[in-house]
Amino acid sequence: MMNPHTYFAILARYNLWATQRLLESVSAVPEEDYRRDVGLFFKSIHGTLNHLLVAEHLLWFPRFAEGTSPKLALDAEVETDRARLAARLLEGAARWQPLIESWSAQRFAGTLDYINYKGVSFLLPFTATLTHVFNHGTHHRGQITTILTALGQPAPELDLVYMLQAEVSAIKA
């Protein structure tokens, strides 16, 4: 069985890798299509990327890193500028691996106590909740790749196995 540091370090690397690849593809989308309501839960590509910034980096990261629970709506548009939003998503994704490496092994067996954006308190299993954070990002990146395809834009291949294969190839090179 893989230890939690190794497992979550892989997920953190994947989150950054997949975010980079997705943002490269999104950068080619015309502004009108980027901001248009295409039927996603957060309406547009821009709205969904803002949601990822809010959820992963402005809500979950402080909960795990600092034990704080910011009050911020899940649909908040915290970054209107497209380039700045992309930069903040990459900066946020890069922060997870060092955080994970800073935790003791015992931390993974514990719980996460937090208050959600509606003011409701939760005490959840730490590792399952951390898994949720990375799974959540995968879910929304998948939504955006579907929209890229529907818009006639190239969508990146984001399967975890492709990142693992690239890492193995880089080691062999």
N, C-alpha and C. Protein backbone atom coordinates (compact mmCIF):
# COMPACT_ATOMS: atom_id res chain seq x y z
N MET A 1 0.84 -1.18 0.00
CA MET A 1 0.00 0.00 0.00
C MET A 1 0.89 1.25 0.00
N MET A 2 0.54 2.21 -0.83
CA MET A 2 1.31 3.44 -0.95
C MET A 2 1.06 4.32 0.28
N ASN A 3 2.12 4.93 0.79
CA ASN A 3 1.93 5.81 1.94
C ASN A 3 1.24 7.09 1.49
N PRO A 4 0.53 7.75 2.42
CA PRO A 4 -0.26 8.92 2.03
C PRO A 4 0.56 10.08 1.49
N HIS A 5 1.79 10.27 1.99
CA HIS A 5 2.61 11.35 1.45
C HIS A 5 2.86 11.14 -0.04
N THR A 6 3.23 9.92 -0.40
CA THR A 6 3.51 9.61 -1.80
C THR A 6 2.25 9.74 -2.65
N TYR A 7 1.16 9.18 -2.17
CA TYR A 7 -0.10 9.21 -2.91
C TYR A 7 -0.56 10.64 -3.17
N PHE A 8 -0.62 11.44 -2.12
CA PHE A 8 -1.12 12.80 -2.29
C PHE A 8 -0.12 13.71 -3.00
N ALA A 9 1.17 13.40 -2.92
CA ALA A 9 2.15 14.14 -3.71
C ALA A 9 1.91 13.90 -5.20
N ILE A 10 1.57 12.67 -5.56
CA ILE A 10 1.22 12.37 -6.95
C ILE A 10 -0.01 13.17 -7.36
N LEU A 11 -1.03 13.17 -6.53
CA LEU A 11 -2.25 13.92 -6.86
C LEU A 11 -1.97 15.42 -6.97
N ALA A 12 -1.11 15.95 -6.12
CA ALA A 12 -0.77 17.37 -6.19
C ALA A 12 -0.01 17.67 -7.48
N ARG A 13 0.93 16.81 -7.86
CA ARG A 13 1.66 17.00 -9.12
C ARG A 13 0.70 16.91 -10.30
N TYR A 14 -0.21 15.95 -10.23
CA TYR A 14 -1.20 15.79 -11.30
C TYR A 14 -2.08 17.03 -11.41
N ASN A 15 -2.51 17.55 -10.28
CA ASN A 15 -3.37 18.73 -10.28
C ASN A 15 -2.68 19.90 -10.98
N LEU A 16 -1.41 20.11 -10.69
CA LEU A 16 -0.65 21.17 -11.33
C LEU A 16 -0.46 20.88 -12.82
N TRP A 17 -0.06 19.68 -13.15
CA TRP A 17 0.17 19.27 -14.55
C TRP A 17 -1.10 19.43 -15.37
N ALA A 18 -2.22 18.93 -14.86
CA ALA A 18 -3.49 18.99 -15.60
C ALA A 18 -3.98 20.43 -15.72
N THR A 19 -3.78 21.23 -14.68
CA THR A 19 -4.18 22.63 -14.74
C THR A 19 -3.37 23.37 -15.79
N GLN A 20 -2.06 23.12 -15.84
CA GLN A 20 -1.21 23.75 -16.86
C GLN A 20 -1.68 23.40 -18.26
N ARG A 21 -1.92 22.13 -18.48
CA ARG A 21 -2.34 21.67 -19.81
C ARG A 21 -3.70 22.25 -20.20
N LEU A 22 -4.62 22.27 -19.25
CA LEU A 22 -5.94 22.81 -19.54
C LEU A 22 -5.85 24.30 -19.88
N LEU A 23 -5.10 25.04 -19.08
CA LEU A 23 -5.00 26.48 -19.31
C LEU A 23 -4.32 26.80 -20.64
N GLU A 24 -3.38 25.96 -21.06
CA GLU A 24 -2.77 26.15 -22.38
C GLU A 24 -3.83 26.04 -23.47
N SER A 25 -4.71 25.06 -23.36
CA SER A 25 -5.78 24.89 -24.35
C SER A 25 -6.80 26.02 -24.27
N VAL A 26 -7.16 26.41 -23.07
CA VAL A 26 -8.14 27.47 -22.87
C VAL A 26 -7.63 28.81 -23.42
N SER A 27 -6.33 29.01 -23.40
CA SER A 27 -5.76 30.29 -23.86
C SER A 27 -6.09 30.56 -25.33
N ALA A 28 -6.39 29.53 -26.11
CA ALA A 28 -6.70 29.70 -27.53
C ALA A 28 -8.18 30.00 -27.77
N VAL A 29 -9.00 29.93 -26.75
CA VAL A 29 -10.44 30.15 -26.90
C VAL A 29 -10.72 31.65 -27.03
N PRO A 30 -11.48 32.04 -28.05
CA PRO A 30 -11.84 33.46 -28.19
C PRO A 30 -12.58 33.97 -26.95
N GLU A 31 -12.39 35.23 -26.64
CA GLU A 31 -12.97 35.84 -25.44
C GLU A 31 -14.48 35.62 -25.35
N GLU A 32 -15.18 35.77 -26.45
CA GLU A 32 -16.64 35.60 -26.44
C GLU A 32 -17.03 34.18 -26.00
N ASP A 33 -16.34 33.18 -26.53
CA ASP A 33 -16.63 31.79 -26.14
C ASP A 33 -16.19 31.50 -24.72
N TYR A 34 -15.10 32.10 -24.31
CA TYR A 34 -14.55 31.90 -22.97
C TYR A 34 -15.53 32.37 -21.89
N ARG A 35 -16.23 33.45 -22.15
CA ARG A 35 -17.14 34.03 -21.15
C ARG A 35 -18.61 33.68 -21.38
N ARG A 36 -18.93 33.03 -22.47
CA ARG A 36 -20.32 32.72 -22.81
C ARG A 36 -20.88 31.63 -21.90
N ASP A 37 -22.16 31.76 -21.54
CA ASP A 37 -22.85 30.72 -20.78
C ASP A 37 -23.04 29.52 -21.70
N VAL A 38 -22.33 28.44 -21.40
CA VAL A 38 -22.39 27.23 -22.22
C VAL A 38 -23.10 26.09 -21.49
N GLY A 39 -23.80 26.44 -20.42
CA GLY A 39 -24.61 25.45 -19.71
C GLY A 39 -23.90 24.71 -18.59
N LEU A 40 -22.70 25.13 -18.25
CA LEU A 40 -22.01 24.51 -17.11
C LEU A 40 -22.65 25.00 -15.81
N PHE A 41 -22.42 24.29 -14.73
CA PHE A 41 -22.98 24.69 -13.45
C PHE A 41 -22.56 26.12 -13.09
N PHE A 42 -21.32 26.46 -13.41
CA PHE A 42 -20.83 27.82 -13.19
C PHE A 42 -20.82 28.60 -14.50
N LYS A 43 -21.71 28.21 -15.38
CA LYS A 43 -22.06 28.85 -16.64
C LYS A 43 -20.99 28.77 -17.73
N SER A 44 -19.89 29.46 -17.56
CA SER A 44 -18.90 29.61 -18.62
C SER A 44 -17.58 28.94 -18.24
N ILE A 45 -16.66 28.91 -19.18
CA ILE A 45 -15.31 28.47 -18.86
C ILE A 45 -14.73 29.38 -17.79
N HIS A 46 -14.90 30.68 -17.98
CA HIS A 46 -14.41 31.66 -16.99
C HIS A 46 -15.03 31.42 -15.62
N GLY A 47 -16.34 31.21 -15.58
CA GLY A 47 -17.01 30.97 -14.31
C GLY A 47 -16.53 29.70 -13.63
N THR A 48 -16.28 28.67 -14.41
CA THR A 48 -15.81 27.40 -13.85
C THR A 48 -14.38 27.53 -13.36
N LEU A 49 -13.53 28.24 -14.08
CA LEU A 49 -12.16 28.46 -13.61
C LEU A 49 -12.15 29.31 -12.34
N ASN A 50 -13.02 30.30 -12.25
CA ASN A 50 -13.13 31.09 -11.03
C ASN A 50 -13.58 30.20 -9.87
N HIS A 51 -14.52 29.30 -10.14
CA HIS A 51 -14.96 28.37 -9.09
C HIS A 51 -13.80 27.51 -8.61
N LEU A 52 -12.97 27.04 -9.52
CA LEU A 52 -11.81 26.25 -9.12
C LEU A 52 -10.86 27.06 -8.24
N LEU A 53 -10.66 28.32 -8.59
CA LEU A 53 -9.81 29.18 -7.77
C LEU A 53 -10.41 29.32 -6.37
N VAL A 54 -11.70 29.61 -6.31
CA VAL A 54 -12.37 29.78 -5.02
C VAL A 54 -12.30 28.49 -4.21
N ALA A 55 -12.77 27.39 -4.79
CA ALA A 55 -12.90 26.15 -4.04
C ALA A 55 -11.56 25.57 -3.62
N GLU A 56 -10.67 25.35 -4.57
CA GLU A 56 -9.39 24.68 -4.27
C GLU A 56 -8.42 25.54 -3.48
N HIS A 57 -8.33 26.80 -3.88
CA HIS A 57 -7.23 27.62 -3.37
C HIS A 57 -7.63 28.65 -2.33
N LEU A 58 -8.87 29.13 -2.38
CA LEU A 58 -9.28 30.15 -1.42
C LEU A 58 -10.12 29.59 -0.28
N LEU A 59 -10.69 28.40 -0.47
CA LEU A 59 -11.45 27.75 0.61
C LEU A 59 -10.72 26.53 1.16
N TRP A 60 -10.48 25.52 0.32
CA TRP A 60 -9.89 24.28 0.83
C TRP A 60 -8.46 24.45 1.29
N PHE A 61 -7.65 25.16 0.52
CA PHE A 61 -6.25 25.30 0.94
C PHE A 61 -6.13 25.92 2.33
N PRO A 62 -6.80 27.04 2.63
CA PRO A 62 -6.70 27.58 3.99
C PRO A 62 -7.24 26.63 5.07
N ARG A 63 -8.24 25.84 4.72
CA ARG A 63 -8.76 24.87 5.69
C ARG A 63 -7.68 23.85 6.04
N PHE A 64 -6.99 23.35 5.04
CA PHE A 64 -5.95 22.35 5.28
C PHE A 64 -4.66 22.97 5.82
N ALA A 65 -4.28 24.13 5.32
CA ALA A 65 -2.99 24.73 5.68
C ALA A 65 -3.02 25.49 6.99
N GLU A 66 -4.14 26.17 7.25
CA GLU A 66 -4.18 27.09 8.39
C GLU A 66 -5.28 26.78 9.40
N GLY A 67 -6.19 25.86 9.03
CA GLY A 67 -7.32 25.59 9.90
C GLY A 67 -8.34 26.71 9.92
N THR A 68 -8.32 27.54 8.88
CA THR A 68 -9.29 28.64 8.80
C THR A 68 -10.35 28.33 7.77
N SER A 69 -11.49 28.95 7.92
CA SER A 69 -12.61 28.74 7.00
C SER A 69 -13.10 30.08 6.45
N PRO A 70 -12.48 30.54 5.37
CA PRO A 70 -12.93 31.81 4.78
C PRO A 70 -14.41 31.72 4.36
N LYS A 71 -15.07 32.83 4.41
CA LYS A 71 -16.47 32.89 3.95
C LYS A 71 -16.46 33.48 2.55
N LEU A 72 -16.70 32.62 1.59
CA LEU A 72 -16.65 33.01 0.20
C LEU A 72 -17.61 32.10 -0.57
N ALA A 73 -18.49 32.69 -1.35
CA ALA A 73 -19.46 31.91 -2.13
C ALA A 73 -18.75 31.12 -3.22
N LEU A 74 -19.24 29.93 -3.48
CA LEU A 74 -18.62 29.05 -4.47
C LEU A 74 -18.68 29.60 -5.89
N ASP A 75 -19.62 30.51 -6.13
CA ASP A 75 -19.74 31.08 -7.47
C ASP A 75 -19.18 32.50 -7.56
N ALA A 76 -18.40 32.90 -6.57
CA ALA A 76 -17.82 34.24 -6.57
C ALA A 76 -16.85 34.42 -7.73
N GLU A 77 -16.95 35.56 -8.38
CA GLU A 77 -15.96 35.90 -9.41
C GLU A 77 -14.88 36.72 -8.72
N VAL A 78 -13.85 36.03 -8.27
CA VAL A 78 -12.79 36.70 -7.52
C VAL A 78 -11.69 37.25 -8.43
N GLU A 79 -11.69 36.80 -9.67
CA GLU A 79 -10.68 37.28 -10.61
C GLU A 79 -11.34 37.51 -11.96
N THR A 80 -11.48 38.77 -12.34
CA THR A 80 -12.14 39.08 -13.61
C THR A 80 -11.18 38.96 -14.79
N ASP A 81 -9.90 39.22 -14.56
CA ASP A 81 -8.91 39.20 -15.62
C ASP A 81 -8.51 37.76 -15.96
N ARG A 82 -8.65 37.41 -17.20
CA ARG A 82 -8.40 36.05 -17.67
C ARG A 82 -6.96 35.58 -17.42
N ALA A 83 -5.99 36.41 -17.76
CA ALA A 83 -4.58 36.03 -17.58
C ALA A 83 -4.24 35.92 -16.09
N ARG A 84 -4.74 36.82 -15.31
CA ARG A 84 -4.47 36.79 -13.86
C ARG A 84 -5.13 35.58 -13.23
N LEU A 85 -6.32 35.22 -13.69
CA LEU A 85 -7.00 34.03 -13.19
C LEU A 85 -6.15 32.79 -13.47
N ALA A 86 -5.64 32.66 -14.67
CA ALA A 86 -4.79 31.52 -15.02
C ALA A 86 -3.55 31.48 -14.14
N ALA A 87 -2.92 32.63 -13.94
CA ALA A 87 -1.71 32.69 -13.11
C ALA A 87 -2.03 32.29 -11.67
N ARG A 88 -3.14 32.76 -11.15
CA ARG A 88 -3.50 32.42 -9.77
C ARG A 88 -3.83 30.93 -9.62
N LEU A 89 -4.45 30.35 -10.64
CA LEU A 89 -4.73 28.90 -10.59
C LEU A 89 -3.43 28.11 -10.56
N LEU A 90 -2.46 28.50 -11.36
CA LEU A 90 -1.18 27.80 -11.37
C LEU A 90 -0.42 28.02 -10.07
N GLU A 91 -0.42 29.23 -9.55
CA GLU A 91 0.22 29.52 -8.27
C GLU A 91 -0.41 28.69 -7.16
N GLY A 92 -1.72 28.62 -7.16
CA GLY A 92 -2.43 27.85 -6.14
C GLY A 92 -2.12 26.37 -6.24
N ALA A 93 -2.13 25.84 -7.45
CA ALA A 93 -1.86 24.41 -7.64
C ALA A 93 -0.45 24.06 -7.19
N ALA A 94 0.49 24.97 -7.37
CA ALA A 94 1.89 24.71 -6.98
C ALA A 94 2.08 24.69 -5.46
N ARG A 95 1.13 25.19 -4.71
CA ARG A 95 1.26 25.26 -3.25
C ARG A 95 0.89 23.95 -2.56
N TRP A 96 0.15 23.07 -3.23
CA TRP A 96 -0.33 21.87 -2.55
C TRP A 96 0.77 20.88 -2.19
N GLN A 97 1.68 20.59 -3.10
CA GLN A 97 2.69 19.57 -2.82
C GLN A 97 3.57 19.94 -1.62
N PRO A 98 4.11 21.15 -1.53
CA PRO A 98 4.90 21.48 -0.33
C PRO A 98 4.08 21.37 0.96
N LEU A 99 2.81 21.73 0.88
CA LEU A 99 1.96 21.60 2.07
C LEU A 99 1.84 20.14 2.48
N ILE A 100 1.56 19.28 1.53
CA ILE A 100 1.40 17.85 1.80
C ILE A 100 2.70 17.29 2.39
N GLU A 101 3.83 17.67 1.84
CA GLU A 101 5.11 17.17 2.33
C GLU A 101 5.43 17.65 3.75
N SER A 102 4.78 18.73 4.19
CA SER A 102 5.04 19.27 5.53
C SER A 102 4.27 18.53 6.63
N TRP A 103 3.30 17.71 6.26
CA TRP A 103 2.47 17.03 7.26
C TRP A 103 3.14 15.77 7.78
N SER A 104 2.89 15.47 9.03
CA SER A 104 3.34 14.19 9.60
C SER A 104 2.43 13.07 9.08
N ALA A 105 2.91 11.85 9.19
CA ALA A 105 2.10 10.70 8.78
C ALA A 105 0.81 10.62 9.59
N GLN A 106 0.86 11.02 10.84
CA GLN A 106 -0.31 10.97 11.71
C GLN A 106 -1.41 11.91 11.23
N ARG A 107 -1.04 12.99 10.58
CA ARG A 107 -2.04 13.96 10.12
C ARG A 107 -3.05 13.30 9.17
N PHE A 108 -2.58 12.38 8.35
CA PHE A 108 -3.45 11.73 7.38
C PHE A 108 -4.48 10.83 8.04
N ALA A 109 -4.22 10.38 9.25
CA ALA A 109 -5.16 9.52 9.97
C ALA A 109 -6.18 10.33 10.77
N GLY A 110 -6.05 11.66 10.75
CA GLY A 110 -6.91 12.51 11.56
C GLY A 110 -8.16 12.97 10.84
N THR A 111 -8.66 14.08 11.31
CA THR A 111 -9.87 14.67 10.76
C THR A 111 -9.60 16.12 10.36
N LEU A 112 -10.50 16.66 9.60
CA LEU A 112 -10.46 18.07 9.23
C LEU A 112 -11.73 18.71 9.76
N ASP A 113 -11.55 19.68 10.61
CA ASP A 113 -12.65 20.42 11.21
C ASP A 113 -12.73 21.77 10.51
N TYR A 114 -13.86 22.06 9.88
CA TYR A 114 -14.00 23.32 9.17
C TYR A 114 -15.45 23.77 9.17
N ILE A 115 -15.64 25.01 8.77
CA ILE A 115 -16.97 25.59 8.63
C ILE A 115 -17.15 25.93 7.15
N ASN A 116 -18.25 25.48 6.56
CA ASN A 116 -18.44 25.75 5.14
C ASN A 116 -18.91 27.19 4.92
N TYR A 117 -19.06 27.56 3.66
CA TYR A 117 -19.40 28.94 3.33
C TYR A 117 -20.79 29.35 3.82
N LYS A 118 -21.62 28.37 4.20
CA LYS A 118 -22.95 28.67 4.74
C LYS A 118 -22.94 28.75 6.27
N GLY A 119 -21.76 28.54 6.87
CA GLY A 119 -21.64 28.62 8.32
C GLY A 119 -21.89 27.32 9.06
N VAL A 120 -21.97 26.20 8.33
CA VAL A 120 -22.20 24.89 8.94
C VAL A 120 -20.86 24.24 9.25
N SER A 121 -20.74 23.72 10.47
CA SER A 121 -19.49 23.09 10.92
C SER A 121 -19.46 21.62 10.53
N PHE A 122 -18.28 21.15 10.10
CA PHE A 122 -18.08 19.76 9.71
C PHE A 122 -16.80 19.22 10.33
N LEU A 123 -16.81 17.94 10.64
CA LEU A 123 -15.63 17.21 11.08
C LEU A 123 -15.58 15.96 10.20
N LEU A 124 -14.65 15.95 9.24
CA LEU A 124 -14.60 14.89 8.23
C LEU A 124 -13.26 14.18 8.26
N PRO A 125 -13.21 12.94 7.74
CA PRO A 125 -11.93 12.24 7.64
C PRO A 125 -10.95 13.03 6.75
N PHE A 126 -9.76 13.24 7.26
CA PHE A 126 -8.77 14.07 6.60
C PHE A 126 -8.44 13.57 5.20
N THR A 127 -8.07 12.29 5.06
CA THR A 127 -7.62 11.81 3.75
C THR A 127 -8.75 11.78 2.73
N ALA A 128 -9.94 11.41 3.16
CA ALA A 128 -11.07 11.39 2.22
C ALA A 128 -11.41 12.80 1.75
N THR A 129 -11.31 13.76 2.65
CA THR A 129 -11.62 15.14 2.28
C THR A 129 -10.54 15.71 1.37
N LEU A 130 -9.29 15.38 1.63
CA LEU A 130 -8.21 15.81 0.74
C LEU A 130 -8.38 15.17 -0.65
N THR A 131 -8.79 13.92 -0.67
CA THR A 131 -9.08 13.26 -1.95
C THR A 131 -10.16 14.02 -2.70
N HIS A 132 -11.17 14.48 -1.96
CA HIS A 132 -12.25 15.25 -2.58
C HIS A 132 -11.70 16.49 -3.30
N VAL A 133 -10.76 17.18 -2.69
CA VAL A 133 -10.23 18.41 -3.28
C VAL A 133 -9.66 18.12 -4.67
N PHE A 134 -8.86 17.07 -4.77
CA PHE A 134 -8.24 16.76 -6.06
C PHE A 134 -9.25 16.17 -7.04
N ASN A 135 -10.18 15.37 -6.56
CA ASN A 135 -11.24 14.82 -7.41
C ASN A 135 -12.12 15.94 -7.96
N HIS A 136 -12.41 16.92 -7.14
CA HIS A 136 -13.23 18.06 -7.54
C HIS A 136 -12.59 18.81 -8.72
N GLY A 137 -11.29 19.03 -8.64
CA GLY A 137 -10.60 19.70 -9.74
C GLY A 137 -10.67 18.89 -11.02
N THR A 138 -10.51 17.58 -10.90
CA THR A 138 -10.59 16.70 -12.06
C THR A 138 -11.97 16.80 -12.71
N HIS A 139 -12.99 16.81 -11.89
CA HIS A 139 -14.37 16.91 -12.37
C HIS A 139 -14.56 18.18 -13.21
N HIS A 140 -14.17 19.32 -12.68
CA HIS A 140 -14.39 20.57 -13.40
C HIS A 140 -13.48 20.74 -14.61
N ARG A 141 -12.26 20.23 -14.54
CA ARG A 141 -11.41 20.25 -15.74
C ARG A 141 -12.05 19.41 -16.84
N GLY A 142 -12.66 18.29 -16.45
CA GLY A 142 -13.36 17.46 -17.43
C GLY A 142 -14.52 18.20 -18.08
N GLN A 143 -15.25 18.98 -17.30
CA GLN A 143 -16.34 19.77 -17.87
C GLN A 143 -15.79 20.75 -18.91
N ILE A 144 -14.70 21.40 -18.57
CA ILE A 144 -14.13 22.39 -19.49
C ILE A 144 -13.61 21.73 -20.76
N THR A 145 -13.01 20.54 -20.66
CA THR A 145 -12.54 19.88 -21.88
C THR A 145 -13.71 19.49 -22.78
N THR A 146 -14.84 19.14 -22.18
CA THR A 146 -16.03 18.84 -22.98
C THR A 146 -16.48 20.08 -23.75
N ILE A 147 -16.47 21.23 -23.09
CA ILE A 147 -16.86 22.47 -23.74
C ILE A 147 -15.85 22.85 -24.82
N LEU A 148 -14.57 22.65 -24.57
CA LEU A 148 -13.57 22.93 -25.60
C LEU A 148 -13.89 22.13 -26.86
N THR A 149 -14.18 20.86 -26.69
CA THR A 149 -14.52 20.00 -27.83
C THR A 149 -15.77 20.51 -28.54
N ALA A 150 -16.80 20.87 -27.76
CA ALA A 150 -18.04 21.37 -28.35
C ALA A 150 -17.81 22.68 -29.11
N LEU A 151 -16.85 23.47 -28.70
CA LEU A 151 -16.54 24.73 -29.38
C LEU A 151 -15.61 24.53 -30.57
N GLY A 152 -15.22 23.29 -30.83
CA GLY A 152 -14.33 23.00 -31.95
C GLY A 152 -12.88 23.29 -31.65
N GLN A 153 -12.55 23.43 -30.37
CA GLN A 153 -11.19 23.69 -29.94
C GLN A 153 -10.51 22.38 -29.55
N PRO A 154 -9.20 22.29 -29.69
CA PRO A 154 -8.52 21.07 -29.21
C PRO A 154 -8.58 21.00 -27.69
N ALA A 155 -8.85 19.81 -27.19
CA ALA A 155 -8.89 19.58 -25.74
C ALA A 155 -7.69 18.72 -25.36
N PRO A 156 -7.04 19.07 -24.28
CA PRO A 156 -5.86 18.29 -23.87
C PRO A 156 -6.25 16.94 -23.30
N GLU A 157 -5.36 15.99 -23.42
CA GLU A 157 -5.53 14.69 -22.77
C GLU A 157 -5.06 14.87 -21.33
N LEU A 158 -5.96 14.65 -20.37
CA LEU A 158 -5.64 14.94 -18.98
C LEU A 158 -5.62 13.72 -18.07
N ASP A 159 -5.64 12.53 -18.63
CA ASP A 159 -5.61 11.34 -17.79
C ASP A 159 -4.34 11.29 -16.96
N LEU A 160 -4.48 10.93 -15.70
CA LEU A 160 -3.35 10.81 -14.78
C LEU A 160 -2.25 9.93 -15.35
N VAL A 161 -2.62 8.87 -16.01
CA VAL A 161 -1.62 7.94 -16.53
C VAL A 161 -0.68 8.62 -17.52
N TYR A 162 -1.15 9.63 -18.25
CA TYR A 162 -0.28 10.34 -19.18
C TYR A 162 0.78 11.15 -18.45
N MET A 163 0.42 11.72 -17.32
CA MET A 163 1.43 12.42 -16.52
C MET A 163 2.45 11.42 -16.00
N LEU A 164 1.98 10.29 -15.50
CA LEU A 164 2.90 9.26 -14.98
C LEU A 164 3.84 8.77 -16.07
N GLN A 165 3.30 8.53 -17.27
CA GLN A 165 4.14 8.10 -18.38
C GLN A 165 5.19 9.15 -18.73
N ALA A 166 4.79 10.42 -18.72
CA ALA A 166 5.74 11.50 -19.03
C ALA A 166 6.83 11.58 -17.97
N GLU A 167 6.47 11.36 -16.72
CA GLU A 167 7.48 11.39 -15.65
C GLU A 167 8.46 10.24 -15.80
N VAL A 168 7.97 9.06 -16.15
CA VAL A 168 8.86 7.90 -16.34
C VAL A 168 9.77 8.14 -17.54
N SER A 169 9.21 8.69 -18.61
CA SER A 169 10.02 8.97 -19.80
C SER A 169 11.11 10.00 -19.50
N ALA A 170 10.78 11.00 -18.68
CA ALA A 170 11.76 12.03 -18.33
C ALA A 170 12.90 11.43 -17.51
N ILE A 171 12.59 10.48 -16.66
CA ILE A 171 13.63 9.83 -15.85
C ILE A 171 14.56 9.00 -16.72
N LYS A 172 13.99 8.33 -17.72
CA LYS A 172 14.78 7.48 -18.62
C LYS A 172 15.65 8.30 -19.55
N ALA A 173 15.23 9.52 -19.84
CA ALA A 173 15.95 10.37 -20.82
C ALA A 173 17.27 10.88 -20.28
